[in-house]
Amino acid sequence: MLGLDVDNDSAFINQTVVDYCKERKIELTRSRAYKKNDQAWIEQKNGSVVRRLVGYGRLEGAAAAQALSMLHEAARLYVNFFQPSFKLRSKVRDGARVTKQYEIPATPYERLLASDRVTDPCKDQLRQVFSTLDPVRC
């Protein structure tokens, strides 16, 4: 891990976290003060992925952490390789009316393969992971 981006809340950033990051040379950043919308993209995924799978209850303890870790590993593969999503292409405002145009739905995996910014070795590694996945297998 190279960096950790956290909210300003004291539940996320405290002396223990600061010391941990310093010891391991992890860059610690936080959102800007009084700019609560900085975390909007992360919160969007929390609502559409995490909360839908886990719910809103507070989970505590080592057993819950281990179960969540296993759930997130499976959900990560499903969401990134098999769950297509819309991506906003453009948004035009005409008075009070807003017209949005979206790209054709694609998975994050498909978007990475189509990107020029991703190297060929990285794309090969993604293809290898994808070839081992079967969403129907129990």
Protein backbone atom coordinates (compact mmCIF):
# COMPACT_ATOMS: atom_id res chain seq x y z
CA MET A 1 0.00 0.00 0.00
CA LEU A 2 1.40 3.39 -0.99
CA GLY A 3 -1.25 5.71 0.39
CA LEU A 4 -4.29 5.94 2.63
CA ASP A 5 -7.01 8.54 2.01
CA VAL A 6 -9.38 8.95 4.94
CA ASP A 7 -12.25 11.15 6.03
CA ASN A 8 -11.64 13.96 8.55
CA ASP A 9 -13.65 12.17 11.24
CA SER A 10 -11.67 11.16 14.33
CA ALA A 11 -12.92 7.59 13.84
CA PHE A 12 -10.78 7.39 10.70
CA ILE A 13 -7.75 9.47 11.60
CA ASN A 14 -6.13 9.33 15.01
CA GLN A 15 -2.62 9.06 16.45
CA THR A 16 -2.56 5.27 16.06
CA VAL A 17 -3.28 5.54 12.33
CA VAL A 18 -0.74 8.36 11.93
CA ASP A 19 1.98 6.32 13.69
CA TYR A 20 1.12 3.20 11.67
CA CYS A 21 1.46 5.09 8.39
CA LYS A 22 4.73 6.75 9.44
CA GLU A 23 6.30 3.42 10.42
CA ARG A 24 5.41 1.83 7.07
CA LYS A 25 6.08 4.96 4.96
CA ILE A 26 2.44 5.10 3.81
CA GLU A 27 1.28 8.51 2.62
CA LEU A 28 -1.68 9.61 4.75
CA THR A 29 -4.06 12.16 3.27
CA ARG A 30 -7.50 13.35 4.26
CA SER A 31 -10.33 15.24 2.66
CA ARG A 32 -10.31 19.02 2.76
CA ALA A 33 -11.90 20.68 5.76
CA TYR A 34 -15.51 21.78 5.17
CA LYS A 35 -15.58 20.00 1.78
CA LYS A 36 -17.78 17.04 2.64
CA ASN A 37 -18.31 16.18 -1.04
CA ASP A 38 -14.65 15.13 -1.46
CA GLN A 39 -15.59 11.54 -0.61
CA ALA A 40 -18.55 11.42 -3.03
CA TRP A 41 -17.12 8.74 -5.35
CA ILE A 42 -16.24 6.43 -2.48
CA GLU A 43 -19.61 6.96 -0.81
CA GLN A 44 -21.36 6.21 -4.11
CA LYS A 45 -19.74 2.76 -4.25
CA ASN A 46 -20.49 2.19 -0.56
CA GLY A 47 -24.19 2.63 -1.33
CA SER A 48 -24.35 0.64 -4.53
CA VAL A 49 -22.04 -2.22 -3.54
CA VAL A 50 -21.17 -2.48 0.15
CA ARG A 51 -24.46 -1.44 1.76
CA ARG A 52 -26.48 -3.55 -0.66
CA LEU A 53 -24.48 -6.66 0.32
CA VAL A 54 -23.89 -6.06 4.02
CA GLY A 55 -26.57 -3.63 5.16
CA TYR A 56 -26.27 -0.74 7.57
CA GLY A 57 -25.73 -2.58 10.86
CA ARG A 58 -22.57 -2.07 12.88
CA LEU A 59 -20.33 -5.12 12.80
CA GLU A 60 -17.57 -5.60 15.35
CA GLY A 61 -14.96 -8.17 16.24
CA ALA A 62 -12.42 -10.39 14.55
CA ALA A 63 -14.98 -12.91 13.25
CA ALA A 64 -17.01 -10.15 11.58
CA ALA A 65 -13.85 -8.65 10.06
CA GLN A 66 -12.83 -12.03 8.64
CA ALA A 67 -16.30 -12.67 7.21
CA LEU A 68 -16.39 -9.18 5.65
CA SER A 69 -12.96 -9.72 4.16
CA MET A 70 -14.10 -12.93 2.45
CA LEU A 71 -17.31 -11.25 1.25
CA HIS A 72 -15.42 -8.25 -0.15
CA GLU A 73 -12.98 -10.49 -2.02
CA ALA A 74 -15.83 -12.25 -3.81
CA ALA A 75 -17.78 -9.00 -4.34
CA ARG A 76 -14.68 -7.26 -5.74
CA LEU A 77 -14.30 -9.91 -8.41
CA TYR A 78 -18.00 -9.91 -9.26
CA VAL A 79 -18.33 -6.12 -9.46
CA ASN A 80 -15.12 -5.54 -11.43
CA PHE A 81 -15.39 -8.44 -13.87
CA PHE A 82 -19.12 -9.17 -14.32
CA GLN A 83 -21.28 -6.20 -13.30
CA PRO A 84 -21.59 -3.61 -16.07
CA SER A 85 -22.26 -0.01 -15.14
CA PHE A 86 -23.15 3.16 -16.99
CA LYS A 87 -20.55 5.88 -17.37
CA LEU A 88 -21.63 9.47 -18.00
CA ARG A 89 -20.33 10.73 -21.35
CA SER A 90 -21.78 14.24 -21.31
CA LYS A 91 -24.25 16.44 -19.47
CA VAL A 92 -25.85 19.47 -21.14
CA ARG A 93 -27.99 22.01 -19.32
CA ASP A 94 -30.68 23.88 -21.24
CA GLY A 95 -32.34 26.15 -18.69
CA ALA A 96 -33.77 23.89 -16.00
CA ARG A 97 -33.59 20.81 -18.22
CA VAL A 98 -30.50 18.59 -18.02
CA THR A 99 -29.80 16.07 -20.79
CA LYS A 100 -27.36 13.30 -20.00
CA GLN A 101 -25.71 10.92 -22.46
CA TYR A 102 -24.13 7.69 -21.27
CA GLU A 103 -21.61 5.33 -22.78
CA ILE A 104 -22.64 1.75 -23.50
CA PRO A 105 -22.62 -0.18 -20.18
CA ALA A 106 -19.35 -2.01 -19.57
CA THR A 107 -17.57 -3.66 -16.68
CA PRO A 108 -14.50 -2.03 -15.12
CA TYR A 109 -12.53 -4.98 -16.57
CA GLU A 110 -13.73 -4.19 -20.09
CA ARG A 111 -12.93 -0.50 -19.63
CA LEU A 112 -9.37 -1.34 -18.54
CA LEU A 113 -8.83 -3.60 -21.54
CA ALA A 114 -10.04 -0.82 -23.86
CA SER A 115 -7.85 1.83 -22.24
CA ASP A 116 -4.62 3.02 -23.87
CA ARG A 117 -3.21 3.99 -20.46
CA VAL A 118 -3.03 0.38 -19.21
CA THR A 119 0.08 -1.58 -20.18
CA ASP A 120 -0.09 -4.87 -22.09
CA PRO A 121 1.42 -6.92 -19.21
CA CYS A 122 -1.25 -5.55 -16.89
CA LYS A 123 -3.97 -6.40 -19.41
CA ASP A 124 -2.56 -9.93 -19.73
CA GLN A 125 -2.67 -10.32 -15.96
CA LEU A 126 -6.32 -9.17 -15.92
CA ARG A 127 -7.19 -11.64 -18.68
CA GLN A 128 -5.55 -14.43 -16.68
CA VAL A 129 -7.60 -13.59 -13.58
CA PHE A 130 -10.78 -13.39 -15.67
CA SER A 131 -10.14 -16.81 -17.23
CA THR A 132 -10.20 -18.40 -13.76
CA LEU A 133 -13.58 -16.89 -12.82
CA ASP A 134 -16.97 -18.53 -13.23
CA PRO A 135 -19.88 -16.52 -11.77
CA VAL A 136 -22.23 -19.53 -11.83
CA ARG A 137 -19.97 -21.99 -10.03
CA CYS A 138 -20.88 -22.65 -6.40
